[in-house]
Every structure is written in structure tokens, then in C-alpha cells.
Amino acid sequence: MAIKIVCPNCFKTVEADQNTPKCSRCGETFKFTELKAQNMIVNAAVEKREIEIAKDYFSNTEFLNAANHFKLALNANKNSYHAQYFAELCDIYLSDGDDKFDLIGHAVSAVNSTVEMMARSGASQKDKRLFVPAMLADIKILINSRLLADDELFSSDPKSYRIRKLDELDRLQALFVTGENSVASMPEASVALLEIADNAIAVIHKAVQTAVIGGELFPPSSEEYIGLFTLYKKYCKFAISVKSDYDVKKYTPDFEPNELLIEKVISRFEKYDEKNKADIKKHVINDVKSYMDILNECGKAITLTYYNCFMSLCDIEYEKRRVVMKSAIPLLRRMLLPRVTPISGKNAVDIKTDAQDDVKGKCAILNEFIKEIDSFDPDFAQRALQEYYSDLLSIMDIHFVPEYAKRGKTVNKLKEVRDGNFKFYERLLFAAACSCTPAIESYVKFNKYKIKPRVKLVKYCNQAVEEFLLLHDCNIGEIEHSKQYSPILDICKELLNSKE
């Protein structure tokens, strides 16, 4: 008499002779009593009855009772993929609302374990074509709902949002691994899986954005960005494998916070300039507190623009990206120009710049912006550099060159006396050298256009460095141990490399 068994060796459902049970797949022979003791004999009648009872409970949302009966059906047939899937689905519904419940992991497990069991049960292609799309219709809703949740969390705690999404997206990958008995290899699953992958890509686009909360910026860390970018490439690869014309550029960042912040900063600068017209012509800042407050907000606008343009997976041809990048250039120019402030009680000024590491960082951003802008609007790129270096040269011509011409003749006397004039000239030379560094090619590598002010600025930088060294009798050891002035030695090296 023929019976259906689940082979204890290869776990496939086969027909065997009750008297001498043998697996027709792997060839193993068993004893009937052993198979019965291991519950490996299929009882189709019990399986059918328990599934019918379970489905009644399921349709009435009595998921606990439904799960128990699906498990009884699974006990009657260890390869009952219907019972396997619905038992796991009931567990998911029963855990709804539990923040600690791994919905993505359980949803992926429900699909993969069911598909593997379908293969072992010998389900026909017709059964697969009917069952798999229906199963994925449920799972797709659950997964997409979980993926697209947490918008409020991103708005309040973007770091926690990114940690959660990285974990969910990492777990979700198991749904897209292809193999002989995987759902990703089944044509019946392609439409639903593409929709899930598309939502995963949308979530990654959101997660890499820089959140703006209370005026502060919260970009992804480098580790978070690398993790998200790695997942992005994997999900895009799968989406394209399913749909060759899948548009990987369809998602774009929200540039509205960028535009609002840039407009606000530009407006503040315009009001400041209008109020201080006489000072602006001489590149002098009298109201230092107000100007520095605007510069602080200006720095945020530039940083946000950089992140949104270069760290947001944005299509490089997206028009709004180009517009925002160009509108940020005047602000970046303000950040890089030295600040000239009057010295109280004296007919002289101080020239101040940021620390050289900060200047290098801003120069790197300027380089990226100009290089990118040059690819679609070379006239703008050339004009932007010309304007920046012309402004910088004007500051040097007004506030450095006359002092250099006057005090350079009395260097020896200054060294002997080392009074306030020595200290003033020392500060001026150092500030002039630091101010001119953006003209050096190692700071702003983009050097496609020959801009005369840039060449002249490098000359001024060289003069300031040489004069500073002369002022200190080229005592490298003394300068090296100076917290304030040691960066001038690095500038000297950059100049030497530039000349070479």
C-alpha cells in the first residue's frame, strides 16, 4: 500500500510503499514504525481539516486559535506550506504593536521558509503561481508599512532612525537572495519584490538626508552613510535585474530647507551691507558680533548644501541641485574671505582667518562645487572664481601691501626692539599668508582657468611667508613650537610644492 511520507534524510515529500518505505529522491530506506514515531507520515485528512478550522479563526481575526490549528496541520504534514506560512503570519499579527518585535525578520522568514517548504513538498507550478503572489501581497503590505514608518522619528531623532533603518534593510536583504529554492528566483514574485525593493531605495534616500532640527544639522555619520550606500547599490541592482528600465534617479532630496536657509543668509548679508556701505567698500567689519552671527548661519547653509548635493544620492543632472549649488557660491566666498577689523584706538586693522584646517575644508568644498558647476555652466564657474580671487586681492592690496611696503624696510629694527610694532607686523604677515592660501593649487585644485588675481595672491602669500621667516631669523624650531604661528611652516611647504 502506497503512503505519503516526508523523508527524514532529504525532507522531501514522496510516495513510498508502507511495507518497505524508501525515498524515491535520495534512496534512503526506513522502517514504517520509525517514520510513524518521528511523525513523518503525511495525514492529509487531518491536515485539511485543521487548515479549514484555522482559516475560519483567521478570517475572524482570532489569530491565536488560528495559529494553534495551523500548527496542528503542520504536525500532520511537515511539508504543509499553507500551514507553515499562515502560522508565521498569525505570529506576526499577534505581535503587532510590540516595538521590540522583529517584523522584517519574521516576514522574511515566513516567505523564505514557505518557499523552501513548497520545493520540498513537490508543489506544482500552478500551485506556485497561485500561492506565491497571494502570500507576497500580504507580506508586501507588512514590510512596506514597517519600512515607511518612523517619519516622526527622523524629524526628532535622525540618528535613531538611521540605526533602525540600517538594521531593517540589512535583514530584508535575505528576501532578495537568489537560489534554487528562493522566492527571488520565482517569476511569480518579481512584481511584489520590485515594489518592496523600490520602497527600500526610497527609505535609503530619506536616511542619507541631513535633518535640520531647531536650526542644527544632523547628517549621517561616515559609517552610517557607507552602510546605507552599500545597501542602496544592492537594492538598485536587484530592481534593475527585475525591470531593466528601473529609474534609479527617481528619488531626489528635499532642497526646500536648503533654499530657505540660503535665502535667509543672503537677505541678512544684504541688510548688513546696506547698513555698512562705507565699511564694505574698504572690506572692513566694524559690527563684528552681527557679522559673525551671519557667518555662523552661512556656515550651516554651506554645509547643508554640500551634504544635500554630494551625500544624498542625488542625480547629478537634477536641475534643483545645480541651482542650489550655484546659489551657495557667494556664501562660500564670504566664508573664505578674511575678516578685516579695526584695532581700537589705532589707525590700523587686524586681518583674521579661520584655522588652517577649517580653511582647507572650505577650500575642498569650493573645489567640489566649482568642478561640478564647470561641467554644466563653465562661464559661471570661471566668473565665480574670478570674483572671489578679485575680492581677496582687493583686501590684500588695501590692507596688506601698504603695510608690507612700509614696515618691510624696518625689519631689522623691529627684530631688535620687539615692541608692539613687531607684534603687529608678525600678526599681519601670518594673517596675510593664511588669507592667501586658497590661491595655492593644493588648496583649490581646480585650476582650469588662468585667473590673474590668483597668480598675484600666490605671490603675496610667498612674500608674507618669507618676510615672516625673516622676522624670526628663520628660526624654524621657535616657529614650530608656537601654537599660534606654526601653521606658517605648512604654508611654506605648500608654496614650495606649488613652485615645483
Protein backbone atom coordinates (compact mmCIF):
# COMPACT_ATOMS: atom_id res chain seq x y z
CA MET A 1 0.00 0.00 0.00
CA ALA A 2 1.40 3.43 -1.02
CA ILE A 3 1.67 6.19 1.55
CA LYS A 4 2.99 9.76 1.53
CA ILE A 5 5.96 10.42 3.76
CA VAL A 6 8.36 13.25 4.47
CA CYS A 7 11.83 11.75 4.09
CA PRO A 8 13.84 12.19 7.34
CA ASN A 9 17.00 12.36 5.24
CA CYS A 10 16.25 14.87 2.43
CA PHE A 11 12.98 16.23 3.94
CA LYS A 12 11.10 15.90 0.65
CA THR A 13 7.54 14.62 0.32
CA VAL A 14 7.48 11.34 -1.60
CA GLU A 15 5.23 8.31 -2.09
CA ALA A 16 6.55 5.10 -0.59
CA ASP A 17 5.46 1.51 -0.01
CA GLN A 18 4.13 1.06 3.53
CA ASN A 19 5.82 -2.30 3.93
CA THR A 20 9.28 -1.20 2.75
CA PRO A 21 9.33 2.65 2.89
CA LYS A 22 12.02 4.05 0.63
CA CYS A 23 12.64 7.64 -0.52
CA SER A 24 12.43 7.90 -4.29
CA ARG A 25 14.57 11.08 -4.17
CA CYS A 26 17.59 10.19 -2.05
CA GLY A 27 17.24 6.38 -1.98
CA GLU A 28 17.21 6.00 1.83
CA THR A 29 15.18 3.10 3.26
CA PHE A 30 13.24 3.38 6.54
CA LYS A 31 11.03 1.32 8.83
CA PHE A 32 7.35 2.19 8.98
CA THR A 33 7.39 2.21 12.79
CA GLU A 34 10.32 4.69 12.76
CA LEU A 35 8.54 7.03 10.37
CA LYS A 36 5.39 6.91 12.50
CA ALA A 37 7.36 7.59 15.69
CA GLN A 38 9.03 10.60 14.04
CA ASN A 39 5.65 11.84 12.75
CA MET A 40 6.95 11.76 9.17
CA ILE A 41 3.88 10.10 7.65
CA VAL A 42 1.57 12.60 5.94
CA ASN A 43 -2.00 12.61 7.24
CA ALA A 44 -3.72 14.59 4.50
CA ALA A 45 -7.19 14.32 6.04
CA VAL A 46 -6.09 15.83 9.38
CA GLU A 47 -4.06 18.49 7.58
CA LYS A 48 -7.06 19.54 5.50
CA ARG A 49 -9.42 19.58 8.48
CA GLU A 50 -7.10 21.66 10.68
CA ILE A 51 -6.42 24.17 7.90
CA GLU A 52 -10.15 24.68 7.35
CA ILE A 53 -10.72 25.24 11.08
CA ALA A 54 -7.69 27.56 11.25
CA LYS A 55 -8.87 29.65 8.29
CA ASP A 56 -12.23 30.24 9.96
CA TYR A 57 -10.47 31.58 13.04
CA PHE A 58 -8.09 33.58 10.84
CA SER A 59 -10.89 35.27 8.90
CA ASN A 60 -12.42 36.31 12.24
CA THR A 61 -9.01 37.74 13.33
CA GLU A 62 -8.75 35.16 16.13
CA PHE A 63 -5.07 34.72 15.38
CA LEU A 64 -4.09 32.75 18.49
CA ASN A 65 -6.63 29.99 17.82
CA ALA A 66 -5.83 30.09 14.11
CA ALA A 67 -2.10 29.70 14.82
CA ASN A 68 -2.70 26.68 17.04
CA HIS A 69 -4.72 24.89 14.35
CA PHE A 70 -2.23 25.78 11.59
CA LYS A 71 0.45 24.21 13.77
CA LEU A 72 -1.69 21.09 14.15
CA ALA A 73 -1.96 20.94 10.35
CA LEU A 74 1.82 21.30 10.14
CA ASN A 75 2.12 18.41 12.58
CA ALA A 76 0.00 16.30 10.27
CA ASN A 77 2.19 17.20 7.29
CA LYS A 78 5.65 18.59 7.99
CA ASN A 79 5.75 19.99 4.45
CA SER A 80 2.38 21.76 4.62
CA TYR A 81 3.49 25.09 3.23
CA HIS A 82 -0.01 26.57 3.62
CA ALA A 83 0.10 25.82 7.35
CA GLN A 84 3.70 27.00 7.64
CA TYR A 85 3.02 30.37 6.08
CA PHE A 86 -0.20 31.15 7.92
CA ALA A 87 1.19 30.00 11.28
CA GLU A 88 4.03 32.53 10.90
CA LEU A 89 1.63 35.20 9.65
CA CYS A 90 -0.51 34.70 12.77
CA ASP A 91 2.55 35.15 14.98
CA ILE A 92 3.29 38.43 13.19
CA TYR A 93 -0.28 39.70 13.67
CA LEU A 94 -0.24 38.65 17.33
CA SER A 95 2.92 40.71 17.90
CA ASP A 96 1.53 43.82 16.23
CA GLY A 97 2.34 46.88 18.32
CA ASP A 98 5.37 45.36 20.06
CA ASP A 99 8.28 47.72 19.33
CA LYS A 100 10.81 45.01 20.14
CA PHE A 101 9.29 42.53 17.68
CA ASP A 102 11.43 42.00 14.57
CA LEU A 103 8.67 42.30 11.98
CA ILE A 104 11.04 42.42 9.00
CA GLY A 105 12.95 39.35 10.14
CA HIS A 106 9.78 37.35 10.77
CA ALA A 107 8.20 38.45 7.48
CA VAL A 108 11.29 37.40 5.52
CA SER A 109 11.40 34.11 7.44
CA ALA A 110 7.72 33.47 6.69
CA VAL A 111 8.32 33.84 2.95
CA ASN A 112 11.63 32.01 2.68
CA SER A 113 10.64 29.08 4.90
CA THR A 114 7.35 28.71 3.00
CA VAL A 115 9.02 28.78 -0.43
CA GLU A 116 11.61 26.24 0.73
CA MET A 117 8.81 24.02 2.02
CA MET A 118 6.95 24.36 -1.29
CA ALA A 119 10.01 22.98 -3.06
CA ARG A 120 10.26 20.06 -0.62
CA SER A 121 6.54 19.30 -0.89
CA GLY A 122 6.73 18.98 -4.68
CA ALA A 123 4.16 21.73 -5.27
CA SER A 124 3.24 22.14 -8.92
CA GLN A 125 3.98 25.28 -10.96
CA LYS A 126 0.27 26.02 -10.98
CA ASP A 127 0.18 25.94 -7.17
CA LYS A 128 3.20 28.25 -7.04
CA ARG A 129 1.67 30.71 -9.49
CA LEU A 130 -1.45 30.90 -7.33
CA PHE A 131 0.06 30.83 -3.86
CA VAL A 132 3.25 32.95 -4.10
CA PRO A 133 1.61 36.19 -5.37
CA ALA A 134 -1.13 35.87 -2.74
CA MET A 135 1.43 35.31 0.01
CA LEU A 136 3.57 38.27 -1.11
CA ALA A 137 0.52 40.53 -1.32
CA ASP A 138 0.18 40.16 2.47
CA ILE A 139 3.89 40.28 3.26
CA LYS A 140 4.47 43.27 0.97
CA ILE A 141 1.96 45.35 2.93
CA LEU A 142 3.58 44.42 6.24
CA ILE A 143 7.14 45.08 5.08
CA ASN A 144 6.37 48.32 3.26
CA SER A 145 4.39 49.61 6.22
CA ARG A 146 7.33 48.90 8.53
CA LEU A 147 9.90 50.41 6.14
CA LEU A 148 7.96 53.61 5.53
CA ALA A 149 7.14 54.18 9.18
CA ASP A 150 9.09 56.41 11.58
CA ASP A 151 8.86 59.74 9.73
CA GLU A 152 8.33 61.41 13.10
CA LEU A 153 11.43 59.67 14.46
CA PHE A 154 13.52 61.08 11.60
CA SER A 155 12.23 64.56 12.41
CA SER A 156 13.14 64.26 16.10
CA ASP A 157 15.99 61.73 16.33
CA PRO A 158 17.56 61.09 12.90
CA LYS A 159 20.40 59.01 14.35
CA SER A 160 17.98 56.50 15.91
CA TYR A 161 16.01 56.49 12.65
CA ARG A 162 19.13 55.61 10.65
CA ILE A 163 20.17 52.88 13.09
CA ARG A 164 16.69 51.33 12.87
CA LYS A 165 16.51 51.51 9.08
CA LEU A 166 20.01 50.14 8.61
CA ASP A 167 19.03 47.15 10.74
CA GLU A 168 15.71 46.62 8.93
CA LEU A 169 17.21 46.98 5.45
CA ASP A 170 20.04 44.64 6.34
CA ARG A 171 17.58 41.95 7.50
CA LEU A 172 15.41 42.50 4.44
CA GLN A 173 18.28 41.53 2.11
CA ALA A 174 17.58 37.84 2.78
CA LEU A 175 14.35 38.19 0.79
CA PHE A 176 16.31 39.09 -2.36
CA VAL A 177 18.98 36.37 -2.28
CA THR A 178 18.59 34.21 -5.37
CA GLY A 179 18.94 30.44 -5.28
CA GLU A 180 17.26 27.25 -6.43
CA ASN A 181 14.53 27.39 -3.76
CA SER A 182 14.33 31.14 -3.15
CA VAL A 183 11.41 33.48 -3.73
CA ALA A 184 13.69 35.91 -5.62
CA SER A 185 14.19 33.25 -8.29
CA MET A 186 10.47 32.86 -8.92
CA PRO A 187 8.90 34.89 -11.77
CA GLU A 188 5.63 34.94 -9.81
CA ALA A 189 7.32 37.03 -7.13
CA SER A 190 9.02 39.67 -9.26
CA VAL A 191 6.32 42.38 -9.21
CA ALA A 192 5.86 42.33 -5.44
CA LEU A 193 9.60 42.12 -4.74
CA LEU A 194 10.26 45.07 -7.05
CA GLU A 195 7.78 47.17 -5.09
CA ILE A 196 9.48 46.21 -1.80
CA ALA A 197 12.94 47.00 -3.26
CA ASP A 198 11.64 50.33 -4.54
CA ASN A 199 10.42 51.27 -1.07
CA ALA A 200 13.76 50.18 0.40
CA ILE A 201 15.50 52.54 -2.03
CA ALA A 202 13.12 55.36 -1.05
CA VAL A 203 13.91 54.79 2.64
CA ILE A 204 17.66 54.88 1.95
CA HIS A 205 17.22 58.19 0.12
CA LYS A 206 15.47 59.58 3.19
CA ALA A 207 18.01 58.19 5.64
CA VAL A 208 21.01 59.79 3.89
CA GLN A 209 19.43 63.25 4.07
CA THR A 210 20.74 65.80 6.55
CA ALA A 211 17.99 66.53 9.04
CA VAL A 212 17.51 70.13 10.16
CA ILE A 213 16.16 70.32 13.71
CA GLY A 214 15.98 73.56 15.63
CA GLY A 215 18.45 75.20 13.29
CA GLU A 216 21.04 72.45 13.84
CA LEU A 217 22.23 69.99 11.18
CA PHE A 218 22.22 66.22 11.68
CA PRO A 219 23.92 64.48 8.73
CA PRO A 220 24.61 60.72 8.70
CA SER A 221 27.96 59.68 10.13
CA SER A 222 30.52 58.31 7.67
CA GLU A 223 29.80 54.76 8.93
CA GLU A 224 26.06 55.23 8.51
CA TYR A 225 26.49 56.71 5.05
CA ILE A 226 28.74 53.87 3.88
CA GLY A 227 26.26 51.30 5.23
CA LEU A 228 23.31 53.00 3.54
CA PHE A 229 25.18 53.48 0.26
CA THR A 230 26.20 49.80 0.20
CA LEU A 231 22.57 48.75 0.68
CA TYR A 232 21.46 51.26 -1.95
CA LYS A 233 23.68 49.65 -4.58
CA LYS A 234 22.38 46.17 -3.72
CA TYR A 235 18.70 47.13 -3.89
CA CYS A 236 19.21 49.09 -7.11
CA LYS A 237 20.97 46.09 -8.64
CA PHE A 238 18.02 43.84 -7.80
CA ALA A 239 15.47 46.37 -9.06
CA ILE A 240 17.29 46.65 -12.40
CA SER A 241 17.55 42.87 -12.67
CA VAL A 242 13.75 42.67 -12.44
CA LYS A 243 12.99 45.76 -14.53
CA SER A 244 15.82 46.80 -16.84
CA ASP A 245 14.47 50.35 -17.22
CA TYR A 246 14.02 50.90 -13.50
CA ASP A 247 14.73 54.57 -12.82
CA VAL A 248 17.45 54.71 -10.14
CA LYS A 249 17.33 58.53 -10.32
CA LYS A 250 13.65 58.87 -9.48
CA TYR A 251 14.17 59.85 -5.84
CA THR A 252 15.61 63.28 -5.10
CA PRO A 253 16.38 65.07 -1.83
CA ASP A 254 14.23 67.82 -0.41
CA PHE A 255 16.11 71.01 -1.21
CA GLU A 256 13.50 73.30 0.33
CA PRO A 257 15.31 73.68 3.73
CA ASN A 258 18.44 74.47 1.69
CA GLU A 259 16.75 77.15 -0.36
CA LEU A 260 15.11 78.74 2.68
CA LEU A 261 18.37 78.85 4.64
CA ILE A 262 20.36 80.26 1.71
CA GLU A 263 17.71 82.92 1.05
CA LYS A 264 17.71 83.87 4.73
CA VAL A 265 21.50 84.23 4.87
CA ILE A 266 21.65 86.21 1.62
CA SER A 267 18.95 88.54 2.94
CA ARG A 268 20.89 89.07 6.18
CA PHE A 269 24.10 89.84 4.28
CA GLU A 270 22.26 92.33 2.03
CA LYS A 271 20.83 94.16 5.05
CA TYR A 272 24.23 94.21 6.73
CA ASP A 273 25.94 95.56 3.59
CA GLU A 274 23.29 98.24 3.12
CA LYS A 275 23.73 99.36 6.71
CA ASN A 276 27.54 99.41 6.48
CA LYS A 277 28.15 100.71 2.94
CA ALA A 278 31.27 102.76 3.75
CA ASP A 279 32.92 99.85 5.55
CA ILE A 280 32.05 97.33 2.82
CA LYS A 281 33.92 99.35 0.19
CA LYS A 282 37.08 99.03 2.28
CA HIS A 283 36.33 95.41 3.22
CA VAL A 284 36.22 96.43 6.89
CA ILE A 285 33.94 94.89 9.52
CA ASN A 286 33.01 97.20 12.39
CA ASP A 287 29.93 95.38 13.70
CA VAL A 288 31.85 92.16 14.33
CA LYS A 289 29.20 90.48 16.50
CA SER A 290 26.45 90.84 13.88
CA TYR A 291 28.72 89.77 11.05
CA MET A 292 29.97 86.68 12.88
CA ASP A 293 26.39 85.70 13.70
CA ILE A 294 25.54 85.81 9.98
CA LEU A 295 28.72 83.87 9.14
CA ASN A 296 27.73 81.16 11.61
CA GLU A 297 24.38 80.69 9.84
CA CYS A 298 26.20 80.97 6.50
CA GLY A 299 28.39 78.03 7.50
CA LYS A 300 25.30 75.91 8.19
CA ALA A 301 23.85 76.83 4.79
CA ILE A 302 27.05 75.78 3.02
CA THR A 303 27.36 72.55 5.00
CA LEU A 304 23.73 71.63 4.31
CA THR A 305 24.21 72.41 0.61
CA TYR A 306 27.32 70.24 0.44
CA TYR A 307 25.61 67.28 2.13
CA ASN A 308 22.46 67.55 0.01
CA CYS A 309 24.40 67.93 -3.24
CA PHE A 310 27.12 65.34 -2.68
CA MET A 311 25.94 62.98 0.08
CA SER A 312 22.26 62.46 -0.73
CA LEU A 313 22.40 60.05 -3.71
CA CYS A 314 21.01 62.87 -5.83
CA ASP A 315 21.10 62.69 -9.62
CA ILE A 316 23.96 64.95 -10.69
CA GLU A 317 21.81 66.31 -13.53
CA TYR A 318 18.91 67.25 -11.26
CA GLU A 319 18.21 70.91 -12.02
CA LYS A 320 17.39 71.97 -8.48
CA ARG A 321 20.72 70.56 -7.29
CA ARG A 322 22.51 72.73 -9.82
CA VAL A 323 20.58 75.84 -8.84
CA VAL A 324 21.22 75.34 -5.13
CA MET A 325 24.91 74.68 -5.71
CA LYS A 326 25.33 77.90 -7.68
CA SER A 327 23.38 79.94 -5.13
CA ALA A 328 25.73 78.74 -2.37
CA ILE A 329 28.88 80.03 -4.09
CA PRO A 330 28.53 83.69 -2.92
CA LEU A 331 28.09 82.42 0.65
CA LEU A 332 31.15 80.22 0.38
CA ARG A 333 33.08 83.23 -0.93
CA ARG A 334 32.07 85.18 2.20
CA MET A 335 33.26 82.32 4.42
CA LEU A 336 36.66 82.17 2.74
CA LEU A 337 37.39 85.89 2.69
CA PRO A 338 39.46 87.14 5.66
CA ARG A 339 37.75 89.40 8.19
CA VAL A 340 39.30 92.87 8.47
CA THR A 341 38.53 94.60 11.78
CA PRO A 342 39.76 97.97 13.10
CA ILE A 343 42.17 97.97 16.05
CA SER A 344 40.66 100.14 18.78
CA GLY A 345 42.49 103.45 19.26
CA LYS A 346 44.87 102.88 16.37
CA ASN A 347 44.84 103.71 12.70
CA ALA A 348 45.36 100.06 11.81
CA VAL A 349 43.42 96.85 11.24
CA ASP A 350 43.61 93.17 12.12
CA ILE A 351 43.18 90.53 9.43
CA LYS A 352 41.63 87.35 10.75
CA THR A 353 41.00 83.96 9.17
CA ASP A 354 39.74 80.62 10.41
CA ALA A 355 42.17 77.90 11.48
CA GLN A 356 44.01 76.45 8.51
CA ASP A 357 42.29 73.06 8.82
CA ASP A 358 38.92 74.83 8.55
CA VAL A 359 40.16 76.88 5.58
CA LYS A 360 41.32 73.69 3.85
CA GLY A 361 37.91 72.10 4.45
CA LYS A 362 36.10 75.08 2.93
CA CYS A 363 38.56 75.14 0.01
CA ALA A 364 37.79 71.46 -0.62
CA ILE A 365 34.06 72.30 -0.75
CA LEU A 366 34.74 75.23 -3.11
CA ASN A 367 36.79 72.91 -5.31
CA GLU A 368 33.98 70.32 -5.47
CA PHE A 369 31.33 72.96 -6.21
CA ILE A 370 33.34 74.72 -8.91
CA LYS A 371 34.41 71.47 -10.58
CA GLU A 372 30.79 70.29 -10.68
CA ILE A 373 29.40 73.66 -11.84
CA ASP A 374 32.05 73.86 -14.56
CA SER A 375 30.64 70.65 -16.07
CA PHE A 376 27.28 72.33 -16.84
CA ASP A 377 27.97 76.09 -16.65
CA PRO A 378 31.66 76.88 -17.25
CA ASP A 379 31.02 80.62 -17.60
CA PHE A 380 29.54 80.75 -14.12
CA ALA A 381 32.42 78.71 -12.71
CA GLN A 382 35.06 80.97 -14.22
CA ARG A 383 33.20 84.12 -13.16
CA ALA A 384 32.74 82.85 -9.61
CA LEU A 385 36.45 82.17 -9.19
CA GLN A 386 37.35 85.50 -10.78
CA GLU A 387 35.07 87.37 -8.37
CA TYR A 388 36.34 85.52 -5.32
CA TYR A 389 40.04 85.98 -6.09
CA SER A 390 39.45 89.61 -7.12
CA ASP A 391 37.78 90.36 -3.76
CA LEU A 392 40.59 88.62 -1.91
CA LEU A 393 43.20 90.52 -3.90
CA SER A 394 41.42 93.81 -3.16
CA ILE A 395 41.63 93.09 0.58
CA MET A 396 45.34 92.33 0.30
CA ASP A 397 46.02 95.41 -1.83
CA ILE A 398 44.25 97.69 0.65
CA HIS A 399 45.33 96.21 3.96
CA PHE A 400 48.50 94.18 3.41
CA VAL A 401 50.54 95.67 0.57
CA PRO A 402 50.93 99.21 2.04
CA GLU A 403 51.99 97.85 5.44
CA TYR A 404 54.37 95.39 3.80
CA ALA A 405 55.94 98.17 1.74
CA LYS A 406 56.29 100.43 4.80
CA ARG A 407 57.38 98.02 7.52
CA GLY A 408 59.49 95.79 5.29
CA LYS A 409 62.17 98.50 5.31
CA THR A 410 62.49 98.38 9.10
CA VAL A 411 62.55 94.62 9.73
CA ASN A 412 65.95 94.70 11.43
CA LYS A 413 64.87 97.46 13.77
CA LEU A 414 61.64 95.62 14.58
CA LYS A 415 63.61 92.49 15.45
CA GLU A 416 65.84 94.43 17.82
CA VAL A 417 63.10 96.25 19.69
CA ARG A 418 60.38 93.55 19.55
CA ASP A 419 57.73 96.02 20.71
CA GLY A 420 54.09 96.39 19.78
CA ASN A 421 55.01 97.20 16.18
CA PHE A 422 56.86 93.89 15.95
CA LYS A 423 53.82 92.01 17.27
CA PHE A 424 51.52 93.86 14.89
CA TYR A 425 53.66 93.11 11.84
CA GLU A 426 54.08 89.49 12.92
CA ARG A 427 50.29 89.07 13.12
CA LEU A 428 49.77 90.85 9.83
CA LEU A 429 52.27 88.67 7.93
CA PHE A 430 50.81 85.49 9.37
CA ALA A 431 47.23 86.56 8.61
CA ALA A 432 48.17 87.60 5.06
CA ALA A 433 49.84 84.26 4.39
CA CYS A 434 46.82 82.36 5.75
CA SER A 435 44.35 84.56 3.84
CA CYS A 436 46.06 83.88 0.51
CA THR A 437 46.28 80.08 0.85
CA PRO A 438 43.08 79.44 -1.17
CA ALA A 439 45.02 80.71 -4.21
CA ILE A 440 47.54 77.85 -3.85
CA GLU A 441 46.66 74.94 -6.12
CA SER A 442 46.94 72.31 -3.37
CA TYR A 443 44.12 74.12 -1.54
CA VAL A 444 41.81 74.66 -4.54
CA LYS A 445 42.90 72.07 -7.08
CA PHE A 446 40.57 73.30 -9.81
CA ASN A 447 42.90 75.36 -11.99
CA LYS A 448 41.33 75.15 -15.43
CA TYR A 449 41.19 78.91 -15.92
CA LYS A 450 44.17 81.25 -15.70
CA ILE A 451 42.96 83.92 -13.30
CA LYS A 452 45.44 86.76 -12.83
CA PRO A 453 44.36 87.72 -9.29
CA ARG A 454 45.02 84.13 -8.21
CA VAL A 455 48.60 84.27 -9.51
CA LYS A 456 49.18 87.57 -7.73
CA LEU A 457 47.76 86.21 -4.48
CA VAL A 458 50.23 83.32 -4.53
CA LYS A 459 52.99 85.92 -4.89
CA TYR A 460 51.65 87.85 -1.88
CA CYS A 461 51.42 84.61 0.11
CA ASN A 462 55.04 83.86 -0.72
CA GLN A 463 56.12 87.38 0.26
CA ALA A 464 54.29 87.17 3.59
CA VAL A 465 55.84 83.79 4.42
CA GLU A 466 59.36 84.88 3.50
CA GLU A 467 59.03 88.11 5.48
CA PHE A 468 57.66 86.21 8.49
CA LEU A 469 60.63 83.81 8.41
CA LEU A 470 63.00 86.76 8.07
CA LEU A 471 61.34 88.44 11.04
CA HIS A 472 62.19 85.33 13.07
CA ASP A 473 65.69 84.87 11.59
CA CYS A 474 64.42 81.62 10.01
CA ASN A 475 64.35 80.02 13.46
CA ILE A 476 62.25 77.02 12.46
CA GLY A 477 62.42 75.46 15.92
CA GLU A 478 60.97 78.56 17.55
CA ILE A 479 58.14 78.79 14.99
CA GLU A 480 57.46 75.05 15.22
CA HIS A 481 56.79 75.30 18.96
CA SER A 482 54.47 78.28 18.57
CA LYS A 483 50.82 77.26 18.91
CA GLN A 484 49.74 80.41 17.10
CA TYR A 485 52.22 80.60 14.23
CA SER A 486 53.36 77.02 13.49
CA PRO A 487 50.87 76.65 10.57
CA ILE A 488 53.01 79.05 8.53
CA LEU A 489 55.58 76.27 8.09
CA ASP A 490 52.92 74.10 6.43
CA ILE A 491 52.01 77.01 4.16
CA CYS A 492 55.69 77.34 3.27
CA LYS A 493 55.80 73.65 2.26
CA GLU A 494 52.66 74.06 0.14
CA LEU A 495 54.26 77.01 -1.64
CA LEU A 496 57.45 75.06 -2.32
CA ASN A 497 55.44 72.13 -3.72
CA SER A 498 53.39 74.54 -5.82
CA LYS A 499 56.55 76.05 -7.29
CA GLU A 500 57.89 72.62 -8.14
